[in-house]
Amino acid sequence: MWDIDHTLIDAGGVTADTYAHALHATTGRRMERPVEVAGRTERAIITEILRAHDVEVSDRLLDSFYVALAEAFVVREAVMRERGRALSGAREVLVALAERRDVVQSVLTGNTEPVSVGKLTVFGLDGFVDFEVGAYGTDHEDRAALVALAQRRAAGKYGESFTIRNTVLIGDTPNDVRAGQVGGARVIAVATGFNDASVLGEAGPELVLGDLADTGAVVRAVLGVPDRASGDRWSG
């Protein structure tokens, strides 16, 4: 299960603009109090944004915000393509793992599903993951709860059991590490975001990598983290 932002891609700094657009589109208010977004789910981020701007939170408003956010990303796709990039090694690792019949790749991300698809599509990475069995920032406020949800979706589609033995979460923040630890996945942290290797190491993942540039090393790390004696299909 891949995190997206700062693990696979750099969105080119468009995220702040999309939140500001969605806030104004749904409430008429201007963004005055930005909030921390790294490693959090969309539901948690948007809830905090709304409360910080004295707006009462409701499920209906959250749904409207999600739609406005997706629309904002579509409008900014060209800017994201120009300013952003797939991170070094991301495509090569996705390709290498996609070629394995014993690996299912999906995403575990704070983004909404439409935004997740859009971001990976912009950089040509969408064809290597199964979005149907991913878990997204609209599914639950707590990122850790997304792990079990993704495992259930994968089990339902592939008819196999996905547990901590054969589930790998790859992300760039301490929140990603916590999600795997609490949710039931092994964790590989990559220091490609705002947290360096020492900070990630303190969070306690199974392994910390500097980046994804060494395809063989990343593939070996993914396949070597769970208990391979189980014979289960790998979920990464």
Protein backbone atom coordinates (compact mmCIF):
# COMPACT_ATOMS: atom_id res chain seq x y z
CA MET A 1 0.00 0.00 0.00
CA TRP A 2 1.54 3.23 -1.18
CA ASP A 3 1.18 6.67 0.27
CA ILE A 4 1.08 9.17 -2.60
CA ASP A 5 2.28 12.66 -1.72
CA HIS A 6 6.03 12.88 -1.12
CA THR A 7 6.29 9.10 -1.39
CA LEU A 8 5.50 8.59 -5.07
CA ILE A 9 5.03 12.17 -6.30
CA ASP A 10 5.61 15.83 -5.62
CA ALA A 11 2.39 17.66 -6.57
CA GLY A 12 4.23 20.88 -7.27
CA GLY A 13 2.80 22.92 -4.42
CA VAL A 14 -0.78 23.05 -5.70
CA THR A 15 -2.35 21.51 -2.59
CA ALA A 16 -2.69 24.71 -0.58
CA ASP A 17 -4.46 26.41 -3.49
CA THR A 18 -6.93 23.56 -3.83
CA TYR A 19 -7.94 23.73 -0.17
CA ALA A 20 -8.39 27.50 -0.42
CA HIS A 21 -10.52 27.08 -3.55
CA ALA A 22 -12.68 24.38 -1.99
CA LEU A 23 -13.20 26.36 1.21
CA HIS A 24 -14.37 29.40 -0.73
CA ALA A 25 -16.52 27.32 -3.08
CA THR A 26 -18.35 25.58 -0.25
CA THR A 27 -18.56 28.29 2.41
CA GLY A 28 -17.73 31.59 0.74
CA ARG A 29 -14.84 32.09 3.18
CA ARG A 30 -11.24 32.89 2.38
CA MET A 31 -8.46 30.69 3.74
CA GLU A 32 -6.97 32.55 6.69
CA ARG A 33 -5.75 29.72 8.91
CA PRO A 34 -3.91 26.98 7.00
CA VAL A 35 -3.53 23.67 8.87
CA GLU A 36 -0.98 20.86 8.90
CA VAL A 37 -1.74 18.31 6.16
CA ALA A 38 1.23 15.91 6.01
CA GLY A 39 0.29 12.33 6.84
CA ARG A 40 -3.33 13.15 7.70
CA THR A 41 -6.60 12.12 6.12
CA GLU A 42 -8.70 14.49 4.06
CA ARG A 43 -11.57 14.13 6.49
CA ALA A 44 -9.40 15.23 9.43
CA ILE A 45 -7.79 18.07 7.47
CA ILE A 46 -11.04 19.49 6.15
CA THR A 47 -12.75 19.20 9.53
CA GLU A 48 -9.97 21.23 11.10
CA ILE A 49 -10.06 23.81 8.29
CA LEU A 50 -13.79 24.30 8.71
CA ARG A 51 -13.60 24.62 12.48
CA ALA A 52 -10.65 27.01 12.22
CA HIS A 53 -12.84 29.24 10.08
CA ASP A 54 -15.82 29.01 12.44
CA VAL A 55 -17.87 26.80 10.14
CA GLU A 56 -20.09 24.09 11.57
CA VAL A 57 -19.03 20.68 10.27
CA SER A 58 -21.62 18.31 8.81
CA ASP A 59 -21.45 15.23 6.62
CA ARG A 60 -23.22 17.14 3.86
CA LEU A 61 -20.67 19.94 3.95
CA LEU A 62 -17.77 17.47 4.00
CA ASP A 63 -19.17 15.76 0.92
CA SER A 64 -19.46 19.11 -0.85
CA PHE A 65 -15.90 19.98 0.14
CA TYR A 66 -14.62 16.68 -1.29
CA VAL A 67 -16.29 17.42 -4.62
CA ALA A 68 -14.94 20.97 -4.70
CA LEU A 69 -11.46 19.71 -3.86
CA ALA A 70 -11.52 17.20 -6.73
CA GLU A 71 -12.70 19.93 -9.11
CA ALA A 72 -9.90 22.21 -7.93
CA PHE A 73 -7.30 19.55 -8.70
CA VAL A 74 -8.70 19.01 -12.20
CA VAL A 75 -8.38 22.74 -12.89
CA ARG A 76 -4.77 22.67 -11.67
CA GLU A 77 -3.63 19.49 -13.41
CA ALA A 78 -1.58 21.40 -15.97
CA VAL A 79 0.16 23.36 -13.22
CA MET A 80 0.82 20.18 -11.28
CA ARG A 81 2.29 18.55 -14.38
CA GLU A 82 4.52 21.56 -14.97
CA ARG A 83 5.69 22.11 -11.40
CA GLY A 84 5.49 18.60 -9.95
CA ARG A 85 7.11 15.27 -10.73
CA ALA A 86 7.15 11.59 -10.02
CA LEU A 87 9.83 11.07 -7.40
CA SER A 88 13.07 9.36 -8.31
CA GLY A 89 12.60 5.63 -8.74
CA ALA A 90 8.83 5.66 -8.19
CA ARG A 91 7.85 4.52 -11.66
CA GLU A 92 10.57 1.89 -11.83
CA VAL A 93 9.54 0.35 -8.50
CA LEU A 94 5.85 0.38 -9.42
CA VAL A 95 6.64 -1.33 -12.71
CA ALA A 96 8.86 -3.94 -11.09
CA LEU A 97 6.26 -4.85 -8.49
CA ALA A 98 3.42 -4.79 -11.02
CA GLU A 99 5.24 -7.45 -13.03
CA ARG A 100 5.05 -9.85 -10.09
CA ARG A 101 1.99 -12.10 -9.95
CA ASP A 102 2.35 -12.43 -6.18
CA VAL A 103 1.99 -8.70 -5.46
CA VAL A 104 -1.11 -6.49 -5.26
CA GLN A 105 -0.32 -2.78 -5.28
CA SER A 106 -2.75 -0.17 -4.08
CA VAL A 107 -2.78 3.11 -2.17
CA LEU A 108 -3.37 4.10 1.42
CA THR A 109 -3.62 7.86 1.32
CA GLY A 110 -5.13 10.88 2.96
CA ASN A 111 -6.40 12.02 -0.45
CA THR A 112 -9.89 11.39 -1.78
CA GLU A 113 -10.14 8.66 -4.37
CA PRO A 114 -10.71 11.04 -7.34
CA VAL A 115 -7.73 13.15 -6.32
CA SER A 116 -5.59 10.04 -5.81
CA VAL A 117 -6.42 8.79 -9.30
CA GLY A 118 -5.85 12.25 -10.74
CA LYS A 119 -2.46 12.77 -9.12
CA LEU A 120 -1.07 9.43 -10.25
CA THR A 121 -2.57 9.83 -13.72
CA VAL A 122 -0.87 13.21 -14.21
CA PHE A 123 2.50 11.53 -13.77
CA GLY A 124 1.67 8.28 -15.59
CA LEU A 125 1.66 6.10 -12.49
CA ASP A 126 -2.02 5.16 -12.37
CA GLY A 127 -1.77 1.92 -14.32
CA PHE A 128 0.28 0.08 -11.73
CA VAL A 129 -2.06 0.17 -8.72
CA ASP A 130 -5.52 -1.23 -8.03
CA PHE A 131 -7.53 1.75 -6.80
CA GLU A 132 -10.54 -0.45 -6.00
CA VAL A 133 -8.77 -2.01 -3.01
CA GLY A 134 -7.19 1.18 -1.71
CA ALA A 135 -8.24 3.24 1.28
CA TYR A 136 -8.75 6.97 1.19
CA GLY A 137 -8.95 10.06 3.32
CA THR A 138 -12.74 10.16 3.07
CA ASP A 139 -13.09 6.64 4.47
CA HIS A 140 -12.11 7.49 8.03
CA GLU A 141 -10.59 10.35 10.00
CA ASP A 142 -7.97 8.07 11.56
CA ARG A 143 -5.34 6.95 9.06
CA ALA A 144 -4.68 3.74 11.00
CA ALA A 145 -8.26 2.60 10.41
CA LEU A 146 -7.62 2.68 6.68
CA VAL A 147 -5.25 -0.30 6.87
CA ALA A 148 -7.90 -2.83 7.86
CA LEU A 149 -10.32 -1.33 5.36
CA ALA A 150 -7.85 -1.78 2.50
CA GLN A 151 -7.12 -5.32 3.65
CA ARG A 152 -10.84 -6.18 3.64
CA ARG A 153 -11.27 -4.71 0.17
CA ALA A 154 -8.29 -6.67 -1.15
CA ALA A 155 -9.52 -9.87 0.47
CA GLY A 156 -12.97 -9.39 -1.04
CA LYS A 157 -11.60 -8.87 -4.54
CA TYR A 158 -8.75 -11.38 -4.56
CA GLY A 159 -10.22 -14.06 -2.30
CA GLU A 160 -7.17 -14.20 -0.07
CA SER A 161 -6.35 -13.11 3.46
CA PHE A 162 -4.37 -9.92 3.94
CA THR A 163 -2.89 -9.42 7.38
CA ILE A 164 0.23 -8.01 8.97
CA ARG A 165 2.09 -11.03 7.59
CA ASN A 166 1.69 -9.96 3.98
CA THR A 167 0.75 -6.27 4.02
CA VAL A 168 3.37 -3.56 3.55
CA LEU A 169 2.69 0.14 3.96
CA ILE A 170 5.18 2.54 2.36
CA GLY A 171 5.09 6.19 3.37
CA ASP A 172 7.12 9.26 4.24
CA THR A 173 5.74 10.50 7.57
CA PRO A 174 5.59 9.32 11.19
CA ASN A 175 1.81 9.22 10.74
CA ASP A 176 2.28 6.61 8.01
CA VAL A 177 4.43 4.58 10.37
CA ARG A 178 1.83 4.83 13.13
CA ALA A 179 -0.93 3.83 10.72
CA GLY A 180 0.84 0.61 9.90
CA GLN A 181 1.78 -0.15 13.48
CA VAL A 182 -1.73 0.40 14.81
CA GLY A 183 -3.61 -0.78 11.77
CA GLY A 184 -1.78 -4.04 11.15
CA ALA A 185 0.84 -3.64 8.41
CA ARG A 186 4.60 -3.75 8.21
CA VAL A 187 6.05 -0.33 7.40
CA ILE A 188 8.81 0.89 5.13
CA ALA A 189 9.47 4.60 5.60
CA VAL A 190 11.11 6.67 2.88
CA ALA A 191 12.82 9.98 3.63
CA THR A 192 11.48 11.70 0.53
CA GLY A 193 9.20 14.17 2.27
CA PHE A 194 9.59 16.67 5.08
CA ASN A 195 10.93 14.15 7.61
CA ASP A 196 14.52 12.98 7.52
CA ALA A 197 15.65 9.42 8.15
CA SER A 198 16.37 9.99 11.84
CA VAL A 199 12.87 11.31 12.53
CA LEU A 200 11.30 8.44 10.64
CA GLY A 201 13.54 5.94 12.41
CA GLU A 202 12.40 7.18 15.79
CA ALA A 203 8.81 6.35 14.80
CA GLY A 204 9.80 2.68 14.60
CA PRO A 205 9.21 1.38 11.04
CA GLU A 206 10.64 -1.94 9.96
CA LEU A 207 13.02 -0.11 7.64
CA VAL A 208 13.93 3.42 6.55
CA LEU A 209 15.08 4.10 2.99
CA GLY A 210 16.50 7.37 1.75
CA ASP A 211 14.41 7.21 -1.42
CA LEU A 212 13.08 4.82 -4.07
CA ALA A 213 15.97 5.26 -6.51
CA ASP A 214 17.44 1.77 -6.07
CA THR A 215 14.68 -0.37 -7.57
CA GLY A 216 16.19 -3.67 -6.53
CA ALA A 217 16.70 -2.54 -2.94
CA VAL A 218 13.11 -1.32 -2.66
CA VAL A 219 11.68 -4.50 -4.15
CA ARG A 220 13.78 -6.63 -1.83
CA ALA A 221 12.67 -4.54 1.11
CA VAL A 222 9.01 -4.94 0.21
CA LEU A 223 9.26 -8.68 -0.30
CA GLY A 224 11.53 -9.22 2.68
CA VAL A 225 9.48 -7.41 5.32
CA PRO A 226 6.59 -9.85 5.86
CA ASP A 227 6.92 -13.49 6.89
CA ARG A 228 7.51 -15.11 3.52
CA ALA A 229 6.99 -18.59 4.95
CA SER A 230 3.23 -17.99 4.97
CA GLY A 231 3.00 -18.32 1.16
CA ASP A 232 0.35 -15.62 1.01
CA ARG A 233 0.02 -13.07 -1.77
CA TRP A 234 1.88 -9.88 -0.94
CA SER A 235 0.04 -6.60 -0.58
CA GLY A 236 2.30 -3.59 -1.02
